[in-house]
Amino acid sequence: MTPKKSILITSEQIKKRVEELGEEISNMFRQEKISDVIVLWLAEGAIFFAADLIRHIECENLQIRSLKASSYGKELFSQGDPKITGDESGFEGKHVLLVDDIFDTGRTAEAICQRLLRIGAQSISTCFLLNKKVEKTTSITPDFIGFDIEDAYVFGYGLDAAEAMRNLPDIWKFEK
């Protein structure tokens, strides 16, 4: 039986909020006099969000990098600690903006931030498209949030449902 689904956030709402986030992040960089930033997006879920967001960030020297992080795999629920892979070189002494699709328990963000600090990142800011209302298991507090959402399984706009439906322009949720 296929679960029922409905649109949670429309593509128009996403577009407007991503533009606002880009402006907020640009203002932070200006206020803190940061002109050299690595935007680190987490593959694969944040691909559309990161691509749209960086178009709205004003920064003199903005570099783009990615890491792959997953705690879901092909399942519809977390499998525990995130698996993180990718090139971690070149972050020493750099300001990093971590961009990810969804902040739920916080384990993935915490693991990435700890790694970046261990290898010498100068500063780390975080930006998440979605903040899921679930119990957080870390002390990480996102710097920028697109939307607060209920505890639901969401997909579309880069987020997947068992590795499918990333291409949908809106964010959908499965009904309980």
N, C-alpha and C. Protein backbone atom coordinates (compact mmCIF):
# COMPACT_ATOMS: atom_id res chain seq x y z
N MET A 1 0.84 -1.18 0.00
CA MET A 1 0.00 0.00 0.00
C MET A 1 0.89 1.25 0.00
N THR A 2 0.63 2.15 -0.91
CA THR A 2 1.38 3.40 -1.01
C THR A 2 0.84 4.41 -0.01
N PRO A 3 1.73 5.00 0.81
CA PRO A 3 1.25 5.99 1.78
C PRO A 3 0.73 7.24 1.08
N LYS A 4 -0.25 7.90 1.72
CA LYS A 4 -0.77 9.16 1.19
C LYS A 4 0.29 10.24 1.39
N LYS A 5 0.31 11.20 0.47
CA LYS A 5 1.27 12.29 0.58
C LYS A 5 0.59 13.61 0.24
N SER A 6 1.17 14.70 0.74
CA SER A 6 0.65 16.04 0.47
C SER A 6 1.79 17.04 0.45
N ILE A 7 1.56 18.17 -0.21
CA ILE A 7 2.58 19.22 -0.27
C ILE A 7 2.65 19.92 1.08
N LEU A 8 3.86 20.05 1.59
CA LEU A 8 4.10 20.74 2.85
C LEU A 8 4.55 22.18 2.61
N ILE A 9 5.48 22.37 1.66
CA ILE A 9 6.01 23.70 1.34
C ILE A 9 6.09 23.81 -0.18
N THR A 10 5.49 24.84 -0.73
CA THR A 10 5.47 25.00 -2.19
C THR A 10 6.81 25.54 -2.71
N SER A 11 7.02 25.35 -4.00
CA SER A 11 8.25 25.85 -4.62
C SER A 11 8.34 27.37 -4.51
N GLU A 12 7.21 28.06 -4.56
CA GLU A 12 7.21 29.52 -4.41
C GLU A 12 7.65 29.94 -3.01
N GLN A 13 7.16 29.24 -2.00
CA GLN A 13 7.56 29.53 -0.63
C GLN A 13 9.06 29.27 -0.46
N ILE A 14 9.54 28.18 -1.03
CA ILE A 14 10.96 27.84 -0.94
C ILE A 14 11.80 28.94 -1.58
N LYS A 15 11.44 29.34 -2.79
CA LYS A 15 12.20 30.36 -3.52
C LYS A 15 12.31 31.65 -2.71
N LYS A 16 11.19 32.10 -2.17
CA LYS A 16 11.18 33.34 -1.38
C LYS A 16 12.07 33.23 -0.15
N ARG A 17 11.96 32.12 0.57
CA ARG A 17 12.74 31.96 1.80
C ARG A 17 14.23 31.80 1.51
N VAL A 18 14.58 31.12 0.43
CA VAL A 18 15.99 30.95 0.07
C VAL A 18 16.61 32.31 -0.24
N GLU A 19 15.88 33.16 -0.94
CA GLU A 19 16.37 34.52 -1.22
C GLU A 19 16.60 35.28 0.09
N GLU A 20 15.66 35.16 1.04
CA GLU A 20 15.80 35.83 2.33
C GLU A 20 17.01 35.29 3.10
N LEU A 21 17.20 33.98 3.08
CA LEU A 21 18.36 33.38 3.76
C LEU A 21 19.66 33.90 3.16
N GLY A 22 19.72 33.98 1.83
CA GLY A 22 20.92 34.51 1.18
C GLY A 22 21.24 35.92 1.65
N GLU A 23 20.21 36.74 1.79
CA GLU A 23 20.39 38.10 2.28
C GLU A 23 20.86 38.11 3.73
N GLU A 24 20.26 37.27 4.57
CA GLU A 24 20.64 37.19 5.99
C GLU A 24 22.10 36.75 6.13
N ILE A 25 22.50 35.75 5.36
CA ILE A 25 23.87 35.24 5.42
C ILE A 25 24.84 36.30 4.91
N SER A 26 24.49 36.96 3.81
CA SER A 26 25.34 38.03 3.27
C SER A 26 25.54 39.14 4.30
N ASN A 27 24.47 39.50 4.99
CA ASN A 27 24.56 40.53 6.04
C ASN A 27 25.49 40.09 7.16
N MET A 28 25.41 38.83 7.56
CA MET A 28 26.30 38.33 8.61
C MET A 28 27.75 38.42 8.15
N PHE A 29 28.03 37.99 6.91
CA PHE A 29 29.40 38.06 6.41
C PHE A 29 29.90 39.51 6.39
N ARG A 30 29.06 40.43 5.96
CA ARG A 30 29.45 41.85 5.93
C ARG A 30 29.73 42.37 7.35
N GLN A 31 28.83 42.06 8.28
CA GLN A 31 28.99 42.54 9.66
C GLN A 31 30.26 41.98 10.30
N GLU A 32 30.57 40.73 10.00
CA GLU A 32 31.75 40.10 10.60
C GLU A 32 33.00 40.28 9.74
N LYS A 33 32.86 41.05 8.64
CA LYS A 33 33.96 41.32 7.72
C LYS A 33 34.61 40.04 7.21
N ILE A 34 33.76 39.10 6.83
CA ILE A 34 34.21 37.83 6.26
C ILE A 34 34.02 37.89 4.75
N SER A 35 35.12 37.74 4.02
CA SER A 35 35.02 37.81 2.55
C SER A 35 35.55 36.55 1.88
N ASP A 36 35.99 35.59 2.67
CA ASP A 36 36.57 34.35 2.15
C ASP A 36 35.88 33.18 2.86
N VAL A 37 34.97 32.49 2.15
CA VAL A 37 34.12 31.46 2.76
C VAL A 37 34.10 30.20 1.91
N ILE A 38 34.08 29.07 2.57
CA ILE A 38 33.81 27.79 1.90
C ILE A 38 32.38 27.40 2.26
N VAL A 39 31.53 27.28 1.26
CA VAL A 39 30.19 26.75 1.47
C VAL A 39 30.32 25.24 1.33
N LEU A 40 30.04 24.54 2.40
CA LEU A 40 30.13 23.08 2.42
C LEU A 40 28.71 22.53 2.45
N TRP A 41 28.28 21.95 1.34
CA TRP A 41 26.93 21.39 1.29
C TRP A 41 27.02 19.88 1.42
N LEU A 42 26.00 19.32 2.03
CA LEU A 42 25.98 17.88 2.27
C LEU A 42 25.17 17.18 1.19
N ALA A 43 25.83 16.28 0.50
CA ALA A 43 25.21 15.52 -0.59
C ALA A 43 24.41 14.36 0.02
N GLU A 44 23.37 13.94 -0.61
CA GLU A 44 22.80 14.49 -1.81
C GLU A 44 21.64 15.43 -1.53
N GLY A 45 21.06 15.33 -0.36
CA GLY A 45 19.82 16.04 -0.06
C GLY A 45 19.84 17.55 -0.20
N ALA A 46 20.98 18.18 0.03
CA ALA A 46 21.04 19.64 0.01
C ALA A 46 21.42 20.21 -1.36
N ILE A 47 21.47 19.39 -2.39
CA ILE A 47 21.97 19.84 -3.69
C ILE A 47 21.17 21.02 -4.25
N PHE A 48 19.85 20.94 -4.28
CA PHE A 48 19.04 22.03 -4.84
C PHE A 48 19.09 23.26 -3.94
N PHE A 49 18.97 23.03 -2.64
CA PHE A 49 19.00 24.13 -1.68
C PHE A 49 20.32 24.88 -1.76
N ALA A 50 21.44 24.16 -1.74
CA ALA A 50 22.75 24.81 -1.80
C ALA A 50 22.94 25.57 -3.10
N ALA A 51 22.56 24.97 -4.21
CA ALA A 51 22.71 25.64 -5.52
C ALA A 51 21.90 26.93 -5.56
N ASP A 52 20.66 26.88 -5.08
CA ASP A 52 19.82 28.09 -5.08
C ASP A 52 20.34 29.12 -4.09
N LEU A 53 20.76 28.66 -2.91
CA LEU A 53 21.20 29.58 -1.86
C LEU A 53 22.45 30.36 -2.26
N ILE A 54 23.46 29.69 -2.80
CA ILE A 54 24.71 30.40 -3.09
C ILE A 54 24.53 31.49 -4.15
N ARG A 55 23.51 31.37 -4.97
CA ARG A 55 23.22 32.42 -5.95
C ARG A 55 22.76 33.71 -5.28
N HIS A 56 22.37 33.62 -4.01
CA HIS A 56 21.86 34.80 -3.29
C HIS A 56 22.81 35.25 -2.18
N ILE A 57 23.99 34.66 -2.11
CA ILE A 57 24.97 35.07 -1.09
C ILE A 57 25.99 36.00 -1.75
N GLU A 58 26.15 37.16 -1.16
CA GLU A 58 27.16 38.11 -1.63
C GLU A 58 28.41 37.91 -0.79
N CYS A 59 29.46 37.45 -1.44
CA CYS A 59 30.73 37.19 -0.76
C CYS A 59 31.83 37.27 -1.80
N GLU A 60 32.88 38.02 -1.49
CA GLU A 60 33.95 38.27 -2.45
C GLU A 60 34.61 36.97 -2.95
N ASN A 61 34.93 36.07 -2.04
CA ASN A 61 35.60 34.83 -2.41
C ASN A 61 34.85 33.65 -1.81
N LEU A 62 33.89 33.14 -2.55
CA LEU A 62 33.05 32.04 -2.08
C LEU A 62 33.43 30.77 -2.84
N GLN A 63 33.85 29.78 -2.09
CA GLN A 63 34.20 28.49 -2.66
C GLN A 63 33.10 27.49 -2.31
N ILE A 64 32.99 26.45 -3.12
CA ILE A 64 31.95 25.45 -2.91
C ILE A 64 32.60 24.08 -2.77
N ARG A 65 32.23 23.36 -1.72
CA ARG A 65 32.72 22.00 -1.49
C ARG A 65 31.55 21.14 -1.05
N SER A 66 31.72 19.83 -1.12
CA SER A 66 30.67 18.94 -0.64
C SER A 66 31.26 17.75 0.11
N LEU A 67 30.48 17.23 1.00
CA LEU A 67 30.74 15.96 1.67
C LEU A 67 29.46 15.16 1.57
N LYS A 68 29.59 13.87 1.63
CA LYS A 68 28.41 13.02 1.64
C LYS A 68 28.18 12.57 3.08
N ALA A 69 26.97 12.80 3.55
CA ALA A 69 26.62 12.40 4.91
C ALA A 69 25.24 11.76 4.87
N SER A 70 25.12 10.61 5.51
CA SER A 70 23.82 9.93 5.52
C SER A 70 23.66 9.09 6.77
N SER A 71 22.48 9.20 7.36
CA SER A 71 22.12 8.30 8.46
C SER A 71 20.86 7.51 8.09
N TYR A 72 20.31 7.78 6.89
CA TYR A 72 19.09 7.10 6.45
C TYR A 72 19.37 5.98 5.46
N GLY A 73 20.31 6.20 4.53
CA GLY A 73 20.54 5.22 3.48
C GLY A 73 19.30 5.07 2.63
N LYS A 74 18.89 3.85 2.38
CA LYS A 74 17.69 3.61 1.57
C LYS A 74 16.45 3.39 2.43
N GLU A 75 16.55 3.71 3.69
CA GLU A 75 15.43 3.51 4.62
C GLU A 75 14.66 4.81 4.82
N LEU A 76 13.48 4.70 5.42
CA LEU A 76 12.65 5.87 5.72
C LEU A 76 12.84 6.35 7.16
N PHE A 77 13.84 5.79 7.87
CA PHE A 77 14.13 6.22 9.22
C PHE A 77 15.63 6.15 9.44
N SER A 78 16.12 6.92 10.40
CA SER A 78 17.56 7.01 10.66
C SER A 78 18.12 5.65 11.08
N GLN A 79 19.31 5.38 10.58
CA GLN A 79 20.02 4.15 10.92
C GLN A 79 21.06 4.37 12.02
N GLY A 80 21.03 5.55 12.66
CA GLY A 80 21.96 5.83 13.75
C GLY A 80 22.98 6.89 13.37
N ASP A 81 24.23 6.69 13.78
CA ASP A 81 25.27 7.67 13.52
C ASP A 81 25.48 7.87 12.03
N PRO A 82 25.72 9.11 11.62
CA PRO A 82 25.88 9.40 10.19
C PRO A 82 27.19 8.83 9.64
N LYS A 83 27.14 8.43 8.39
CA LYS A 83 28.33 8.02 7.66
C LYS A 83 28.75 9.22 6.82
N ILE A 84 30.00 9.66 7.00
CA ILE A 84 30.49 10.86 6.33
C ILE A 84 31.69 10.49 5.46
N THR A 85 31.62 10.87 4.18
CA THR A 85 32.71 10.59 3.26
C THR A 85 32.99 11.82 2.40
N GLY A 86 34.22 11.94 1.93
CA GLY A 86 34.60 13.03 1.04
C GLY A 86 35.93 13.62 1.44
N ASP A 87 36.44 14.53 0.63
CA ASP A 87 37.73 15.17 0.84
C ASP A 87 37.60 16.23 1.93
N GLU A 88 38.32 16.04 3.02
CA GLU A 88 38.26 16.96 4.14
C GLU A 88 39.46 17.91 4.19
N SER A 89 40.24 17.95 3.13
CA SER A 89 41.40 18.83 3.13
C SER A 89 41.00 20.24 2.69
N GLY A 90 41.82 21.22 3.07
CA GLY A 90 41.62 22.59 2.62
C GLY A 90 40.72 23.45 3.49
N PHE A 91 40.31 22.96 4.64
CA PHE A 91 39.44 23.76 5.52
C PHE A 91 40.23 24.50 6.60
N GLU A 92 41.52 24.22 6.69
CA GLU A 92 42.35 24.82 7.73
C GLU A 92 42.32 26.35 7.60
N GLY A 93 42.00 27.03 8.71
CA GLY A 93 41.99 28.48 8.74
C GLY A 93 40.87 29.15 7.96
N LYS A 94 39.91 28.39 7.51
CA LYS A 94 38.83 28.93 6.67
C LYS A 94 37.54 29.13 7.47
N HIS A 95 36.73 30.09 6.99
CA HIS A 95 35.37 30.27 7.48
C HIS A 95 34.51 29.32 6.65
N VAL A 96 33.66 28.54 7.33
CA VAL A 96 32.84 27.54 6.65
C VAL A 96 31.37 27.81 6.92
N LEU A 97 30.58 27.74 5.85
CA LEU A 97 29.13 27.77 5.98
C LEU A 97 28.64 26.37 5.63
N LEU A 98 28.18 25.63 6.63
CA LEU A 98 27.65 24.28 6.43
C LEU A 98 26.19 24.40 6.00
N VAL A 99 25.87 23.86 4.83
CA VAL A 99 24.51 23.92 4.29
C VAL A 99 23.97 22.50 4.18
N ASP A 100 22.82 22.27 4.81
CA ASP A 100 22.21 20.95 4.75
C ASP A 100 20.71 21.09 4.59
N ASP A 101 20.08 20.00 4.20
CA ASP A 101 18.65 20.03 3.93
C ASP A 101 17.80 20.05 5.18
N ILE A 102 18.16 19.24 6.17
CA ILE A 102 17.25 19.09 7.32
C ILE A 102 18.03 18.92 8.62
N PHE A 103 17.58 19.62 9.64
CA PHE A 103 18.14 19.51 10.98
C PHE A 103 17.12 18.77 11.82
N ASP A 104 17.42 17.50 12.13
CA ASP A 104 16.49 16.77 13.00
C ASP A 104 17.15 16.53 14.34
N THR A 105 17.81 15.41 14.56
CA THR A 105 18.43 15.18 15.87
C THR A 105 19.67 16.03 16.09
N GLY A 106 20.34 16.43 15.01
CA GLY A 106 21.55 17.23 15.11
C GLY A 106 22.83 16.42 15.06
N ARG A 107 22.73 15.09 15.02
CA ARG A 107 23.93 14.24 15.04
C ARG A 107 24.85 14.48 13.84
N THR A 108 24.26 14.61 12.65
CA THR A 108 25.08 14.82 11.46
C THR A 108 25.81 16.16 11.54
N ALA A 109 25.08 17.22 11.87
CA ALA A 109 25.70 18.55 11.99
C ALA A 109 26.81 18.55 13.03
N GLU A 110 26.56 17.92 14.16
CA GLU A 110 27.57 17.87 15.21
C GLU A 110 28.82 17.12 14.73
N ALA A 111 28.63 15.99 14.08
CA ALA A 111 29.77 15.20 13.59
C ALA A 111 30.59 16.00 12.59
N ILE A 112 29.94 16.68 11.66
CA ILE A 112 30.64 17.48 10.65
C ILE A 112 31.38 18.65 11.31
N CYS A 113 30.70 19.37 12.20
CA CYS A 113 31.32 20.52 12.86
C CYS A 113 32.53 20.09 13.68
N GLN A 114 32.43 18.98 14.39
CA GLN A 114 33.57 18.48 15.18
C GLN A 114 34.75 18.15 14.27
N ARG A 115 34.48 17.52 13.13
CA ARG A 115 35.55 17.20 12.18
C ARG A 115 36.20 18.46 11.65
N LEU A 116 35.39 19.45 11.27
CA LEU A 116 35.94 20.69 10.72
C LEU A 116 36.79 21.42 11.75
N LEU A 117 36.34 21.45 12.99
CA LEU A 117 37.13 22.09 14.04
C LEU A 117 38.43 21.35 14.30
N ARG A 118 38.40 20.01 14.29
CA ARG A 118 39.61 19.21 14.48
C ARG A 118 40.65 19.49 13.39
N ILE A 119 40.19 19.72 12.16
CA ILE A 119 41.14 19.95 11.08
C ILE A 119 41.48 21.44 10.93
N GLY A 120 40.94 22.29 11.81
CA GLY A 120 41.40 23.67 11.88
C GLY A 120 40.56 24.72 11.21
N ALA A 121 39.27 24.48 10.97
CA ALA A 121 38.41 25.54 10.43
C ALA A 121 38.42 26.72 11.40
N GLN A 122 38.47 27.94 10.86
CA GLN A 122 38.49 29.13 11.69
C GLN A 122 37.14 29.39 12.34
N SER A 123 36.07 29.23 11.57
CA SER A 123 34.72 29.40 12.11
C SER A 123 33.76 28.54 11.29
N ILE A 124 32.63 28.20 11.91
CA ILE A 124 31.60 27.41 11.24
C ILE A 124 30.25 28.04 11.54
N SER A 125 29.52 28.35 10.47
CA SER A 125 28.12 28.76 10.58
C SER A 125 27.30 27.67 9.92
N THR A 126 26.05 27.54 10.34
CA THR A 126 25.21 26.48 9.78
C THR A 126 23.91 27.05 9.22
N CYS A 127 23.46 26.45 8.13
CA CYS A 127 22.21 26.85 7.49
C CYS A 127 21.47 25.59 7.06
N PHE A 128 20.25 25.45 7.53
CA PHE A 128 19.42 24.30 7.21
C PHE A 128 18.13 24.76 6.56
N LEU A 129 17.73 24.08 5.51
CA LEU A 129 16.46 24.40 4.88
C LEU A 129 15.31 24.12 5.84
N LEU A 130 15.35 22.98 6.51
CA LEU A 130 14.26 22.56 7.39
C LEU A 130 14.78 22.26 8.79
N ASN A 131 13.97 22.61 9.78
CA ASN A 131 14.23 22.28 11.18
C ASN A 131 13.07 21.43 11.65
N LYS A 132 13.33 20.13 11.80
CA LYS A 132 12.26 19.21 12.20
C LYS A 132 12.07 19.27 13.71
N LYS A 133 10.81 19.37 14.13
CA LYS A 133 10.46 19.44 15.54
C LYS A 133 10.55 18.05 16.17
N VAL A 134 11.78 17.68 16.52
CA VAL A 134 12.03 16.43 17.23
C VAL A 134 13.01 16.72 18.35
N GLU A 135 13.18 15.79 19.25
CA GLU A 135 14.13 15.96 20.33
C GLU A 135 15.54 15.99 19.76
N LYS A 136 16.28 17.04 20.08
CA LYS A 136 17.65 17.19 19.61
C LYS A 136 18.57 16.42 20.55
N THR A 137 19.57 15.79 19.97
CA THR A 137 20.49 14.98 20.77
C THR A 137 21.86 15.63 20.86
N THR A 138 21.99 16.89 20.42
CA THR A 138 23.26 17.60 20.47
C THR A 138 23.04 19.02 20.98
N SER A 139 24.14 19.71 21.17
CA SER A 139 24.05 21.10 21.61
C SER A 139 24.15 22.08 20.43
N ILE A 140 24.20 21.57 19.22
CA ILE A 140 24.29 22.42 18.03
C ILE A 140 23.00 23.23 17.88
N THR A 141 23.16 24.53 17.67
CA THR A 141 22.02 25.40 17.38
C THR A 141 22.25 26.00 16.00
N PRO A 142 21.36 25.75 15.05
CA PRO A 142 21.54 26.30 13.70
C PRO A 142 21.58 27.83 13.70
N ASP A 143 22.43 28.38 12.84
CA ASP A 143 22.50 29.83 12.70
C ASP A 143 21.38 30.35 11.81
N PHE A 144 21.03 29.57 10.78
CA PHE A 144 20.00 29.98 9.83
C PHE A 144 19.09 28.79 9.54
N ILE A 145 17.77 29.06 9.56
CA ILE A 145 16.76 28.03 9.31
C ILE A 145 15.79 28.56 8.27
N GLY A 146 15.47 27.71 7.29
CA GLY A 146 14.48 28.09 6.29
C GLY A 146 13.07 27.97 6.83
N PHE A 147 12.71 26.77 7.28
CA PHE A 147 11.35 26.50 7.76
C PHE A 147 11.40 25.54 8.94
N ASP A 148 10.55 25.79 9.93
CA ASP A 148 10.32 24.82 11.00
C ASP A 148 9.19 23.92 10.52
N ILE A 149 9.38 22.61 10.69
CA ILE A 149 8.35 21.65 10.26
C ILE A 149 8.04 20.66 11.37
N GLU A 150 6.89 20.03 11.23
CA GLU A 150 6.48 18.98 12.16
C GLU A 150 7.37 17.74 11.96
N ASP A 151 7.24 16.80 12.85
CA ASP A 151 7.96 15.54 12.74
C ASP A 151 7.26 14.67 11.70
N ALA A 152 7.69 14.79 10.46
CA ALA A 152 7.10 14.02 9.36
C ALA A 152 8.22 13.63 8.41
N TYR A 153 7.98 12.58 7.64
CA TYR A 153 8.96 12.21 6.62
C TYR A 153 8.70 13.08 5.40
N VAL A 154 9.72 13.86 4.99
CA VAL A 154 9.57 14.80 3.90
C VAL A 154 10.48 14.43 2.73
N PHE A 155 10.07 14.87 1.53
CA PHE A 155 10.84 14.58 0.32
C PHE A 155 10.52 15.61 -0.74
N GLY A 156 11.36 15.66 -1.75
CA GLY A 156 11.24 16.66 -2.81
C GLY A 156 12.26 17.77 -2.59
N TYR A 157 12.52 18.57 -3.61
CA TYR A 157 13.50 19.66 -3.56
C TYR A 157 14.84 19.15 -3.04
N GLY A 158 15.25 17.99 -3.55
CA GLY A 158 16.54 17.40 -3.18
C GLY A 158 16.45 16.32 -2.12
N LEU A 159 15.45 16.40 -1.25
CA LEU A 159 15.29 15.37 -0.22
C LEU A 159 14.67 14.14 -0.86
N ASP A 160 15.07 12.97 -0.38
CA ASP A 160 14.60 11.75 -1.03
C ASP A 160 13.67 10.93 -0.15
N ALA A 161 12.93 10.06 -0.82
CA ALA A 161 12.15 9.02 -0.16
C ALA A 161 12.75 7.71 -0.66
N ALA A 162 13.61 7.11 0.16
CA ALA A 162 14.31 5.88 -0.21
C ALA A 162 15.03 6.05 -1.55
N GLU A 163 15.79 7.15 -1.69
CA GLU A 163 16.61 7.48 -2.86
C GLU A 163 15.81 7.91 -4.09
N ALA A 164 14.52 8.19 -3.96
CA ALA A 164 13.70 8.62 -5.10
C ALA A 164 13.03 9.95 -4.78
N MET A 165 12.43 10.56 -5.78
CA MET A 165 11.60 11.77 -5.71
C MET A 165 12.35 13.04 -5.33
N ARG A 166 13.67 13.06 -5.46
CA ARG A 166 14.45 14.27 -5.18
C ARG A 166 14.10 15.40 -6.14
N ASN A 167 13.63 15.07 -7.33
CA ASN A 167 13.42 16.04 -8.40
C ASN A 167 12.13 16.85 -8.26
N LEU A 168 11.28 16.55 -7.32
CA LEU A 168 10.04 17.30 -7.16
C LEU A 168 10.34 18.74 -6.73
N PRO A 169 9.69 19.75 -7.31
CA PRO A 169 10.01 21.14 -6.99
C PRO A 169 9.49 21.61 -5.63
N ASP A 170 8.46 20.94 -5.11
CA ASP A 170 7.90 21.28 -3.80
C ASP A 170 8.43 20.29 -2.76
N ILE A 171 8.23 20.62 -1.49
CA ILE A 171 8.54 19.66 -0.42
C ILE A 171 7.23 19.00 0.00
N TRP A 172 7.25 17.69 -0.07
CA TRP A 172 6.07 16.87 0.25
C TRP A 172 6.28 16.17 1.57
N LYS A 173 5.19 15.66 2.15
CA LYS A 173 5.28 14.83 3.35
C LYS A 173 4.37 13.63 3.19
N PHE A 174 4.77 12.55 3.82
CA PHE A 174 3.90 11.37 3.89
C PHE A 174 2.92 11.61 5.03
N GLU A 175 1.64 11.29 4.78
CA GLU A 175 0.61 11.41 5.81
C GLU A 175 0.69 10.20 6.73
N LYS A 176 0.39 10.42 7.99
CA LYS A 176 0.40 9.31 8.98
C LYS A 176 -0.92 8.60 8.94
